[in-house]
PDB file of N, CA and C in Angstrom:
ATOM      1  N   LYS A   1    -119.872 199.705  70.315  1.00  0.00           N
ATOM      2  CA  LYS A   1    -119.773 198.543  69.440  1.00  0.00           C
ATOM      3  C   LYS A   1    -118.310 198.163  69.308  1.00  0.00           C
ATOM      4  N   THR A   2    -118.059 196.887  69.351  1.00  0.00           N
ATOM      5  CA  THR A   2    -116.697 196.393  69.155  1.00  0.00           C
ATOM      6  C   THR A   2    -116.592 195.723  67.797  1.00  0.00           C
ATOM      7  N   PHE A   3    -115.427 195.857  67.189  1.00  0.00           N
ATOM      8  CA  PHE A   3    -115.199 195.264  65.880  1.00  0.00           C
ATOM      9  C   PHE A   3    -114.408 193.973  65.987  1.00  0.00           C
ATOM     10  N   SER A   4    -113.531 193.896  66.960  1.00  0.00           N
ATOM     11  CA  SER A   4    -112.615 192.767  67.068  1.00  0.00           C
ATOM     12  C   SER A   4    -113.236 191.638  67.863  1.00  0.00           C
ATOM     13  N   SER A   5    -112.958 190.425  67.427  1.00  0.00           N
ATOM     14  CA  SER A   5    -113.499 189.259  68.125  1.00  0.00           C
ATOM     15  C   SER A   5    -112.562 188.766  69.219  1.00  0.00           C
ATOM     16  N   SER A   6    -111.344 189.288  69.257  1.00  0.00           N
ATOM     17  CA  SER A   6    -110.393 188.870  70.289  1.00  0.00           C
ATOM     18  C   SER A   6    -109.498 190.043  70.672  1.00  0.00           C
ATOM     19  N   TYR A   7    -108.831 189.886  71.802  1.00  0.00           N
ATOM     20  CA  TYR A   7    -107.924 190.923  72.283  1.00  0.00           C
ATOM     21  C   TYR A   7    -106.759 191.112  71.312  1.00  0.00           C
ATOM     22  N   SER A   8    -106.215 190.026  70.797  1.00  0.00           N
ATOM     23  CA  SER A   8    -105.073 190.131  69.877  1.00  0.00           C
ATOM     24  C   SER A   8    -105.477 190.822  68.575  1.00  0.00           C
ATOM     25  N   GLU A   9    -106.689 190.560  68.111  1.00  0.00           N
ATOM     26  CA  GLU A   9    -107.174 191.243  66.908  1.00  0.00           C
ATOM     27  C   GLU A   9    -107.338 192.734  67.178  1.00  0.00           C
ATOM     28  N   ALA A  10    -107.827 193.082  68.350  1.00  0.00           N
ATOM     29  CA  ALA A  10    -107.968 194.489  68.725  1.00  0.00           C
ATOM     30  C   ALA A  10    -106.602 195.168  68.778  1.00  0.00           C
ATOM     31  N   GLN A  11    -105.612 194.473  69.337  1.00  0.00           N
ATOM     32  CA  GLN A  11    -104.257 195.026  69.387  1.00  0.00           C
ATOM     33  C   GLN A  11    -103.713 195.271  67.981  1.00  0.00           C
ATOM     34  N   LYS A  12    -103.948 194.338  67.070  1.00  0.00           N
ATOM     35  CA  LYS A  12    -103.500 194.501  65.688  1.00  0.00           C
ATOM     36  C   LYS A  12    -104.161 195.717  65.047  1.00  0.00           C
ATOM     37  N   THR A  13    -105.447 195.890  65.318  1.00  0.00           N
ATOM     38  CA  THR A  13    -106.173 197.018  64.742  1.00  0.00           C
ATOM     39  C   THR A  13    -105.636 198.336  65.273  1.00  0.00           C
ATOM     40  N   VAL A  14    -105.374 198.407  66.569  1.00  0.00           N
ATOM     41  CA  VAL A  14    -104.809 199.630  67.151  1.00  0.00           C
ATOM     42  C   VAL A  14    -103.442 199.917  66.533  1.00  0.00           C
ATOM     43  N   GLN A  15    -102.619 198.895  66.386  1.00  0.00           N
ATOM     44  CA  GLN A  15    -101.300 199.075  65.764  1.00  0.00           C
ATOM     45  C   GLN A  15    -101.441 199.531  64.315  1.00  0.00           C
ATOM     46  N   THR A  16    -102.413 198.983  63.609  1.00  0.00           N
ATOM     47  CA  THR A  16    -102.661 199.382  62.224  1.00  0.00           C
ATOM     48  C   THR A  16    -103.057 200.848  62.154  1.00  0.00           C
ATOM     49  N   ILE A  17    -103.889 201.304  63.081  1.00  0.00           N
ATOM     50  CA  ILE A  17    -104.296 202.715  63.123  1.00  0.00           C
ATOM     51  C   ILE A  17    -103.078 203.603  63.361  1.00  0.00           C
ATOM     52  N   HIS A  18    -102.219 203.223  64.301  1.00  0.00           N
ATOM     53  CA  HIS A  18    -101.002 203.999  64.569  1.00  0.00           C
ATOM     54  C   HIS A  18    -100.090 204.037  63.340  1.00  0.00           C
ATOM     55  N   ASN A  19     -99.938 202.901  62.675  1.00  0.00           N
ATOM     56  CA  ASN A  19     -99.102 202.848  61.471  1.00  0.00           C
ATOM     57  C   ASN A  19     -99.680 203.713  60.351  1.00  0.00           C
ATOM     58  N   ALA A  20    -100.996 203.699  60.208  1.00  0.00           N
ATOM     59  CA  ALA A  20    -101.652 204.509  59.179  1.00  0.00           C
ATOM     60  C   ALA A  20    -101.470 205.994  59.467  1.00  0.00           C
ATOM     61  N   LYS A  21    -101.584 206.379  60.727  1.00  0.00           N
ATOM     62  CA  LYS A  21    -101.371 207.781  61.115  1.00  0.00           C
ATOM     63  C   LYS A  21     -99.946 208.203  60.791  1.00  0.00           C
ATOM     64  N   LYS A  22     -98.985 207.375  61.152  1.00  0.00           N
ATOM     65  CA  LYS A  22     -97.576 207.688  60.895  1.00  0.00           C
ATOM     66  C   LYS A  22     -97.321 207.819  59.397  1.00  0.00           C
ATOM     67  N   LYS A  23     -97.864 206.913  58.601  1.00  0.00           N
ATOM     68  CA  LYS A  23     -97.686 206.964  57.143  1.00  0.00           C
ATOM     69  C   LYS A  23     -98.308 208.235  56.564  1.00  0.00           C
ATOM     70  N   ALA A  24     -99.477 208.624  57.059  1.00  0.00           N
ATOM     71  CA  ALA A  24    -100.131 209.854  56.602  1.00  0.00           C
ATOM     72  C   ALA A  24     -99.280 211.069  56.952  1.00  0.00           C
ATOM     73  N   GLU A  25     -98.691 211.061  58.142  1.00  0.00           N
ATOM     74  CA  GLU A  25     -97.827 212.171  58.554  1.00  0.00           C
ATOM     75  C   GLU A  25     -96.584 212.250  57.668  1.00  0.00           C
ATOM     76  N   ILE A  26     -96.001 211.106  57.355  1.00  0.00           N
ATOM     77  CA  ILE A  26     -94.812 211.079  56.498  1.00  0.00           C
ATOM     78  C   ILE A  26     -95.158 211.584  55.099  1.00  0.00           C
ATOM     79  N   GLU A  27     -96.256 211.097  54.545  1.00  0.00           N
ATOM     80  CA  GLU A  27     -96.656 211.506  53.193  1.00  0.00           C
ATOM     81  C   GLU A  27     -96.976 212.991  53.114  1.00  0.00           C
ATOM     82  N   SER A  28     -97.590 213.536  54.158  1.00  0.00           N
ATOM     83  CA  SER A  28     -97.995 214.940  54.130  1.00  0.00           C
ATOM     84  C   SER A  28     -96.928 215.878  54.681  1.00  0.00           C
ATOM     85  N   GLY A  29     -95.995 215.333  55.450  1.00  0.00           N
ATOM     86  CA  GLY A  29     -94.986 216.174  56.093  1.00  0.00           C
ATOM     87  C   GLY A  29     -95.532 216.954  57.272  1.00  0.00           C
ATOM     88  N   ILE A  30     -96.682 216.538  57.782  1.00  0.00           N
ATOM     89  CA  ILE A  30     -97.340 217.243  58.884  1.00  0.00           C
ATOM     90  C   ILE A  30     -97.631 216.266  60.006  1.00  0.00           C
ATOM     91  N   SER A  31     -97.214 216.632  61.215  1.00  0.00           N
ATOM     92  CA  SER A  31     -97.492 215.807  62.391  1.00  0.00           C
ATOM     93  C   SER A  31     -98.749 216.312  63.073  1.00  0.00           C
ATOM     94  N   ILE A  32     -99.520 215.380  63.594  1.00  0.00           N
ATOM     95  CA  ILE A  32    -100.722 215.762  64.327  1.00  0.00           C
ATOM     96  C   ILE A  32    -100.750 215.035  65.663  1.00  0.00           C
ATOM     97  N   VAL A  33    -101.396 215.675  66.621  1.00  0.00           N
ATOM     98  CA  VAL A  33    -101.609 215.081  67.939  1.00  0.00           C
ATOM     99  C   VAL A  33    -103.100 214.803  68.041  1.00  0.00           C
ATOM    100  N   PHE A  34    -103.444 213.542  68.243  1.00  0.00           N
ATOM    101  CA  PHE A  34    -104.846 213.130  68.230  1.00  0.00           C
ATOM    102  C   PHE A  34    -105.687 213.960  69.201  1.00  0.00           C
ATOM    103  N   GLU A  35    -105.129 214.231  70.385  1.00  0.00           N
ATOM    104  CA  GLU A  35    -105.881 214.965  71.406  1.00  0.00           C
ATOM    105  C   GLU A  35    -106.133 216.424  71.030  1.00  0.00           C
ATOM    106  N   GLU A  36    -105.417 216.946  70.054  1.00  0.00           N
ATOM    107  CA  GLU A  36    -105.600 218.339  69.635  1.00  0.00           C
ATOM    108  C   GLU A  36    -106.585 218.491  68.475  1.00  0.00           C
ATOM    109  N   LEU A  37    -107.090 217.387  67.971  1.00  0.00           N
ATOM    110  CA  LEU A  37    -107.934 217.454  66.779  1.00  0.00           C
ATOM    111  C   LEU A  37    -109.228 218.222  67.009  1.00  0.00           C
ATOM    112  N   ASP A  38    -109.729 218.225  68.235  1.00  0.00           N
ATOM    113  CA  ASP A  38    -110.939 219.002  68.529  1.00  0.00           C
ATOM    114  C   ASP A  38    -110.741 220.478  68.207  1.00  0.00           C
ATOM    115  N   SER A  39    -109.521 220.978  68.402  1.00  0.00           N
ATOM    116  CA  SER A  39    -109.263 222.395  68.139  1.00  0.00           C
ATOM    117  C   SER A  39    -109.337 222.719  66.646  1.00  0.00           C
ATOM    118  N   TYR A  40    -109.288 221.703  65.802  1.00  0.00           N
ATOM    119  CA  TYR A  40    -109.441 221.890  64.352  1.00  0.00           C
ATOM    120  C   TYR A  40    -110.850 221.520  63.900  1.00  0.00           C
ATOM    121  N   TYR A  41    -111.758 221.381  64.858  1.00  0.00           N
ATOM    122  CA  TYR A  41    -113.162 221.046  64.592  1.00  0.00           C
ATOM    123  C   TYR A  41    -113.313 219.687  63.913  1.00  0.00           C
ATOM    124  N   VAL A  42    -112.488 218.739  64.337  1.00  0.00           N
ATOM    125  CA  VAL A  42    -112.571 217.366  63.848  1.00  0.00           C
ATOM    126  C   VAL A  42    -113.063 216.500  64.998  1.00  0.00           C
ATOM    127  N   ASN A  43    -114.189 215.824  64.800  1.00  0.00           N
ATOM    128  CA  ASN A  43    -114.709 214.895  65.806  1.00  0.00           C
ATOM    129  C   ASN A  43    -114.017 213.556  65.571  1.00  0.00           C
ATOM    130  N   ALA A  44    -112.785 213.474  66.052  1.00  0.00           N
ATOM    131  CA  ALA A  44    -111.905 212.358  65.710  1.00  0.00           C
ATOM    132  C   ALA A  44    -112.472 211.004  66.111  1.00  0.00           C
ATOM    133  N   GLU A  45    -112.979 210.890  67.330  1.00  0.00           N
ATOM    134  CA  GLU A  45    -113.472 209.585  67.780  1.00  0.00           C
ATOM    135  C   GLU A  45    -114.604 209.082  66.895  1.00  0.00           C
ATOM    136  N   GLN A  46    -115.563 209.953  66.606  1.00  0.00           N
ATOM    137  CA  GLN A  46    -116.712 209.548  65.791  1.00  0.00           C
ATOM    138  C   GLN A  46    -116.295 209.251  64.355  1.00  0.00           C
ATOM    139  N   GLU A  47    -115.454 210.111  63.790  1.00  0.00           N
ATOM    140  CA  GLU A  47    -115.054 209.920  62.399  1.00  0.00           C
ATOM    141  C   GLU A  47    -114.167 208.686  62.225  1.00  0.00           C
ATOM    142  N   LEU A  48    -113.294 208.433  63.190  1.00  0.00           N
ATOM    143  CA  LEU A  48    -112.452 207.237  63.118  1.00  0.00           C
ATOM    144  C   LEU A  48    -113.309 205.981  63.272  1.00  0.00           C
ATOM    145  N   TYR A  49    -114.279 206.037  64.171  1.00  0.00           N
ATOM    146  CA  TYR A  49    -115.220 204.925  64.342  1.00  0.00           C
ATOM    147  C   TYR A  49    -115.951 204.651  63.024  1.00  0.00           C
ATOM    148  N   THR A  50    -116.428 205.702  62.384  1.00  0.00           N
ATOM    149  CA  THR A  50    -117.153 205.560  61.118  1.00  0.00           C
ATOM    150  C   THR A  50    -116.249 204.978  60.033  1.00  0.00           C
ATOM    151  N   THR A  51    -114.993 205.395  60.020  1.00  0.00           N
ATOM    152  CA  THR A  51    -114.033 204.877  59.044  1.00  0.00           C
ATOM    153  C   THR A  51    -113.798 203.385  59.257  1.00  0.00           C
ATOM    154  N   LEU A  52    -113.627 202.984  60.509  1.00  0.00           N
ATOM    155  CA  LEU A  52    -113.465 201.555  60.811  1.00  0.00           C
ATOM    156  C   LEU A  52    -114.725 200.775  60.443  1.00  0.00           C
ATOM    157  N   LEU A  53    -115.873 201.358  60.725  1.00  0.00           N
ATOM    158  CA  LEU A  53    -117.143 200.715  60.395  1.00  0.00           C
ATOM    159  C   LEU A  53    -117.245 200.458  58.893  1.00  0.00           C
ATOM    160  N   LYS A  54    -116.817 201.422  58.082  1.00  0.00           N
ATOM    161  CA  LYS A  54    -116.839 201.244  56.623  1.00  0.00           C
ATOM    162  C   LYS A  54    -115.970 200.064  56.204  1.00  0.00           C
ATOM    163  N   ALA A  55    -114.805 199.944  56.830  1.00  0.00           N
ATOM    164  CA  ALA A  55    -113.909 198.827  56.496  1.00  0.00           C
ATOM    165  C   ALA A  55    -114.555 197.494  56.850  1.00  0.00           C
ATOM    166  N   TYR A  56    -115.140 197.409  58.039  1.00  0.00           N
ATOM    167  CA  TYR A  56    -115.766 196.146  58.451  1.00  0.00           C
ATOM    168  C   TYR A  56    -117.034 195.846  57.654  1.00  0.00           C
ATOM    169  N   GLN A  57    -117.752 196.881  57.217  1.00  0.00           N
ATOM    170  CA  GLN A  57    -118.918 196.653  56.364  1.00  0.00           C
ATOM    171  C   GLN A  57    -118.492 196.110  55.004  1.00  0.00           C
ATOM    172  N   LYS A  58    -117.364 196.614  54.502  1.00  0.00           N
ATOM    173  CA  LYS A  58    -116.858 196.101  53.225  1.00  0.00           C
ATOM    174  C   LYS A  58    -116.495 194.629  53.366  1.00  0.00           C
ATOM    175  N   LEU A  59    -115.976 194.252  54.522  1.00  0.00           N
ATOM    176  CA  LEU A  59    -115.635 192.856  54.798  1.00  0.00           C
ATOM    177  C   LEU A  59    -116.872 191.964  54.693  1.00  0.00           C
ATOM    178  N   LYS A  60    -118.028 192.501  55.083  1.00  0.00           N
ATOM    179  CA  LYS A  60    -119.268 191.726  55.037  1.00  0.00           C
ATOM    180  C   LYS A  60    -119.845 191.620  53.630  1.00  0.00           C
ATOM    181  N   THR A  61    -119.560 192.609  52.782  1.00  0.00           N
ATOM    182  CA  THR A  61    -120.189 192.643  51.462  1.00  0.00           C
ATOM    183  C   THR A  61    -119.276 192.207  50.327  1.00  0.00           C
ATOM    184  N   GLU A  62    -117.961 192.208  50.570  1.00  0.00           N
ATOM    185  CA  GLU A  62    -117.015 191.845  49.521  1.00  0.00           C
ATOM    186  C   GLU A  62    -115.944 190.928  50.081  1.00  0.00           C
ATOM    187  N   LYS A  63    -115.246 190.265  49.170  1.00  0.00           N
ATOM    188  CA  LYS A  63    -114.137 189.418  49.605  1.00  0.00           C
ATOM    189  C   LYS A  63    -112.942 190.321  49.896  1.00  0.00           C
ATOM    190  N   VAL A  64    -112.464 190.264  51.122  1.00  0.00           N
ATOM    191  CA  VAL A  64    -111.322 191.064  51.547  1.00  0.00           C
ATOM    192  C   VAL A  64    -110.215 190.100  51.955  1.00  0.00           C
ATOM    193  N   GLU A  65    -109.068 190.227  51.296  1.00  0.00           N
ATOM    194  CA  GLU A  65    -107.940 189.332  51.587  1.00  0.00           C
ATOM    195  C   GLU A  65    -107.391 189.558  52.996  1.00  0.00           C
ATOM    196  N   ASN A  66    -107.217 190.835  53.361  1.00  0.00           N
ATOM    197  CA  ASN A  66    -106.600 191.163  54.642  1.00  0.00           C
ATOM    198  C   ASN A  66    -107.282 192.399  55.220  1.00  0.00           C
ATOM    199  N   ILE A  67    -108.049 192.226  56.266  1.00  0.00           N
ATOM    200  CA  ILE A  67    -108.798 193.339  56.854  1.00  0.00           C
ATOM    201  C   ILE A  67    -107.858 194.419  57.390  1.00  0.00           C
ATOM    202  N   GLN A  68    -106.698 194.033  57.901  1.00  0.00           N
ATOM    203  CA  GLN A  68    -105.762 195.032  58.429  1.00  0.00           C
ATOM    204  C   GLN A  68    -105.237 195.940  57.315  1.00  0.00           C
ATOM    205  N   ASN A  69    -105.008 195.387  56.132  1.00  0.00           N
ATOM    206  CA  ASN A  69    -104.587 196.219  54.996  1.00  0.00           C
ATOM    207  C   ASN A  69    -105.686 197.203  54.610  1.00  0.00           C
ATOM    208  N   LEU A  70    -106.915 196.729  54.598  1.00  0.00           N
ATOM    209  CA  LEU A  70    -108.044 197.593  54.265  1.00  0.00           C
ATOM    210  C   LEU A  70    -108.191 198.705  55.304  1.00  0.00           C
ATOM    211  N   ILE A  71    -108.102 198.352  56.575  1.00  0.00           N
ATOM    212  CA  ILE A  71    -108.176 199.353  57.645  1.00  0.00           C
ATOM    213  C   ILE A  71    -107.054 200.372  57.480  1.00  0.00           C
ATOM    214  N   PHE A  72    -105.847 199.897  57.195  1.00  0.00           N
ATOM    215  CA  PHE A  72    -104.706 200.794  57.012  1.00  0.00           C
ATOM    216  C   PHE A  72    -104.993 201.835  55.933  1.00  0.00           C
ATOM    217  N   VAL A  73    -105.452 201.387  54.776  1.00  0.00           N
ATOM    218  CA  VAL A  73    -105.724 202.300  53.662  1.00  0.00           C
ATOM    219  C   VAL A  73    -106.830 203.288  54.028  1.00  0.00           C
ATOM    220  N   TYR A  74    -107.933 202.794  54.579  1.00  0.00           N
ATOM    221  CA  TYR A  74    -109.047 203.672  54.943  1.00  0.00           C
ATOM    222  C   TYR A  74    -108.616 204.707  55.982  1.00  0.00           C
ATOM    223  N   VAL A  75    -107.906 204.259  57.011  1.00  0.00           N
ATOM    224  CA  VAL A  75    -107.520 205.165  58.101  1.00  0.00           C
ATOM    225  C   VAL A  75    -106.453 206.158  57.631  1.00  0.00           C
ATOM    226  N   LYS A  76    -105.490 205.709  56.846  1.00  0.00           N
ATOM    227  CA  LYS A  76    -104.465 206.627  56.324  1.00  0.00           C
ATOM    228  C   LYS A  76    -105.125 207.720  55.490  1.00  0.00           C
ATOM    229  N   ASN A  77    -106.033 207.330  54.610  1.00  0.00           N
ATOM    230  CA  ASN A  77    -106.742 208.316  53.792  1.00  0.00           C
ATOM    231  C   ASN A  77    -107.563 209.263  54.654  1.00  0.00           C
ATOM    232  N   TRP A  78    -108.191 208.742  55.711  1.00  0.00           N
ATOM    233  CA  TRP A  78    -108.967 209.599  56.610  1.00  0.00           C
ATOM    234  C   TRP A  78    -108.058 210.625  57.279  1.00  0.00           C
ATOM    235  N   PHE A  79    -106.897 210.192  57.766  1.00  0.00           N
ATOM    236  CA  PHE A  79    -105.979 211.138  58.405  1.00  0.00           C
ATOM    237  C   PHE A  79    -105.557 212.237  57.439  1.00  0.00           C
ATOM    238  N   ILE A  80    -105.293 211.888  56.192  1.00  0.00           N
ATOM    239  CA  ILE A  80    -104.872 212.887  55.209  1.00  0.00           C
ATOM    240  C   ILE A  80    -106.025 213.815  54.846  1.00  0.00           C
ATOM    241  N   GLU A  81    -107.203 213.256  54.614  1.00  0.00           N
ATOM    242  CA  GLU A  81    -108.340 214.039  54.123  1.00  0.00           C
ATOM    243  C   GLU A  81    -109.040 214.849  55.202  1.00  0.00           C
ATOM    244  N   LYS A  82    -108.989 214.407  56.456  1.00  0.00           N
ATOM    245  CA  LYS A  82    -109.719 215.108  57.517  1.00  0.00           C
ATOM    246  C   LYS A  82    -108.793 215.852  58.474  1.00  0.00           C
ATOM    247  N   PRO A  83    -108.152 215.181  59.447  1.00  0.00           N
ATOM    248  CA  PRO A  83    -107.388 215.923  60.448  1.00  0.00           C
ATOM    249  C   PRO A  83    -106.204 216.708  59.884  1.00  0.00           C
ATOM    250  N   ILE A  84    -105.440 216.113  58.978  1.00  0.00           N
ATOM    251  CA  ILE A  84    -104.284 216.835  58.439  1.00  0.00           C
ATOM    252  C   ILE A  84    -104.752 218.015  57.600  1.00  0.00           C
ATOM    253  N   ALA A  85    -105.765 217.813  56.777  1.00  0.00           N
ATOM    254  CA  ALA A  85    -106.313 218.916  55.978  1.00  0.00           C
ATOM    255  C   ALA A  85    -106.883 220.007  56.879  1.00  0.00           C
ATOM    256  N   ALA A  86    -107.537 219.621  57.967  1.00  0.00           N
ATOM    257  CA  ALA A  86    -108.097 220.604  58.903  1.00  0.00           C
ATOM    258  C   ALA A  86    -106.991 221.391  59.593  1.00  0.00           C
ATOM    259  N   LYS A  87    -105.897 220.726  59.947  1.00  0.00           N
ATOM    260  CA  LYS A  87    -104.774 221.418  60.585  1.00  0.00           C
ATOM    261  C   LYS A  87    -104.141 222.415  59.619  1.00  0.00           C
ATOM    262  N   VAL A  88    -103.936 222.003  58.378  1.00  0.00           N
ATOM    263  CA  VAL A  88    -103.369 222.900  57.371  1.00  0.00           C
ATOM    264  C   VAL A  88    -104.267 224.114  57.182  1.00  0.00           C
ATOM    265  N   SER A  89    -105.559 223.889  57.062  1.00  0.00           N
ATOM    266  CA  SER A  89    -106.516 224.980  56.887  1.00  0.00           C
ATOM    267  C   SER A  89    -106.500 225.927  58.080  1.00  0.00           C
ATOM    268  N   SER A  90    -106.469 225.374  59.273  1.00  0.00           N
ATOM    269  CA  SER A  90    -106.450 226.186  60.488  1.00  0.00           C
ATOM    270  C   SER A  90    -105.180 227.024  60.568  1.00  0.00           C
ATOM    271  N   GLU A  91    -104.041 226.414  60.247  1.00  0.00           N
ATOM    272  CA  GLU A  91    -102.775 227.149  60.297  1.00  0.00           C
ATOM    273  C   GLU A  91    -102.729 228.252  59.250  1.00  0.00           C
ATOM    274  N   LYS A  92    -103.276 228.004  58.062  1.00  0.00           N
ATOM    275  CA  LYS A  92    -103.331 229.048  57.032  1.00  0.00           C
ATOM    276  C   LYS A  92    -104.197 230.212  57.494  1.00  0.00           C
ATOM    277  N   ARG A  93    -105.329 229.884  58.105  1.00  0.00           N
ATOM    278  CA  ARG A  93    -106.226 230.924  58.596  1.00  0.00           C
ATOM    279  C   ARG A  93    -105.543 231.749  59.681  1.00  0.00           C
ATOM    280  N   LEU A  94    -104.861 231.077  60.613  1.00  0.00           N
ATOM    281  CA  LEU A  94    -104.162 231.785  61.685  1.00  0.00           C
ATOM    282  C   LEU A  94    -103.039 232.649  61.136  1.00  0.00           C
ATOM    283  N   ASN A  95    -102.301 232.149  60.154  1.00  0.00           N
ATOM    284  CA  ASN A  95    -101.231 232.939  59.539  1.00  0.00           C
ATOM    285  C   ASN A  95    -101.798 234.153  58.821  1.00  0.00           C
ATOM    286  N   TYR A  96    -102.923 233.979  58.146  1.00  0.00           N
ATOM    287  CA  TYR A  96    -103.556 235.090  57.442  1.00  0.00           C
ATOM    288  C   TYR A  96    -104.035 236.143  58.430  1.00  0.00           C
ATOM    289  N   GLU A  97    -104.666 235.692  59.515  1.00  0.00           N
ATOM    290  CA  GLU A  97    -105.200 236.625  60.509  1.00  0.00           C
ATOM    291  C   GLU A  97    -104.094 237.350  61.262  1.00  0.00           C
ATOM    292  N   SER A  98    -102.928 236.731  61.414  1.00  0.00           N
ATOM    293  CA  SER A  98    -101.853 237.358  62.171  1.00  0.00           C
ATOM    294  C   SER A  98    -100.891 238.150  61.293  1.00  0.00           C
ATOM    295  N   SER A  99    -101.056 238.067  59.966  1.00  0.00           N
ATOM    296  CA  SER A  99    -100.155 238.823  59.093  1.00  0.00           C
ATOM    297  C   SER A  99    -100.518 240.299  59.165  1.00  0.00           C
ATOM    298  N   PRO A 100     -99.488 241.152  59.122  1.00  0.00           N
ATOM    299  CA  PRO A 100     -99.765 242.588  59.221  1.00  0.00           C
ATOM    300  C   PRO A 100    -100.554 243.067  58.010  1.00  0.00           C
ATOM    301  N   SER A 101    -101.485 243.930  58.269  1.00  0.00           N
ATOM    302  CA  SER A 101    -102.280 244.458  57.167  1.00  0.00           C
ATOM    303  C   SER A 101    -101.633 245.748  56.671  1.00  0.00           C
ATOM    304  N   THR A 102    -101.770 245.991  55.413  1.00  0.00           N
ATOM    305  CA  THR A 102    -101.215 247.189  54.808  1.00  0.00           C
ATOM    306  C   THR A 102    -102.258 248.285  54.878  1.00  0.00           C
ATOM    307  N   ILE A 103    -101.844 249.417  55.399  1.00  0.00           N
ATOM    308  CA  ILE A 103    -102.755 250.555  55.485  1.00  0.00           C
ATOM    309  C   ILE A 103    -102.517 251.417  54.255  1.00  0.00           C
ATOM    310  N   THR A 104    -103.582 251.668  53.558  1.00  0.00           N
ATOM    311  CA  THR A 104    -103.462 252.511  52.371  1.00  0.00           C
ATOM    312  C   THR A 104    -104.250 253.780  52.589  1.00  0.00           C
ATOM    313  N   LYS A 105    -103.768 254.832  51.985  1.00  0.00           N
ATOM    314  CA  LYS A 105    -104.455 256.110  52.093  1.00  0.00           C
ATOM    315  C   LYS A 105    -104.861 256.524  50.697  1.00  0.00           C
ATOM    316  N   ASP A 106    -106.048 257.043  50.591  1.00  0.00           N
ATOM    317  CA  ASP A 106    -106.517 257.550  49.312  1.00  0.00           C
ATOM    318  C   ASP A 106    -105.966 258.962  49.160  1.00  0.00           C
ATOM    319  N   TRP A 107    -104.922 259.091  48.371  1.00  0.00           N
ATOM    320  CA  TRP A 107    -104.248 260.385  48.213  1.00  0.00           C
ATOM    321  C   TRP A 107    -105.027 261.322  47.302  1.00  0.00           C
ATOM    322  N   LEU A 108    -106.109 260.865  46.728  1.00  0.00           N
ATOM    323  CA  LEU A 108    -106.912 261.721  45.856  1.00  0.00           C
ATOM    324  C   LEU A 108    -107.904 262.560  46.632  1.00  0.00           C
ATOM    325  N   GLU A 109    -108.039 262.309  47.901  1.00  0.00           N
ATOM    326  CA  GLU A 109    -109.018 263.059  48.695  1.00  0.00           C
ATOM    327  C   GLU A 109    -108.534 264.452  48.975  1.00  0.00           C
TER     328      GLU A 109
END
């Protein structure tokens, strides 16, 4: 399914997605690589599609002044709530698993 009615509109949407990703990275202080999101168990293509679909559905049901602004907000929030959160969680898990464990002995035995 396509959302844009023209090539220039599609280009604007792609640029908006890139800008939203960059803003999410700046706000969180965490950089992500889209192609690595699968390793964090994020189905990026499907979830991003669903996020865009929500924005365009809102356009059909409510008065939206600027669809690109709406897409920006939805996509930025998605990057923060899904891929960036998944990366943070994955890195915490890896750090926990790789931290040395303390061996204790029961001296009462």
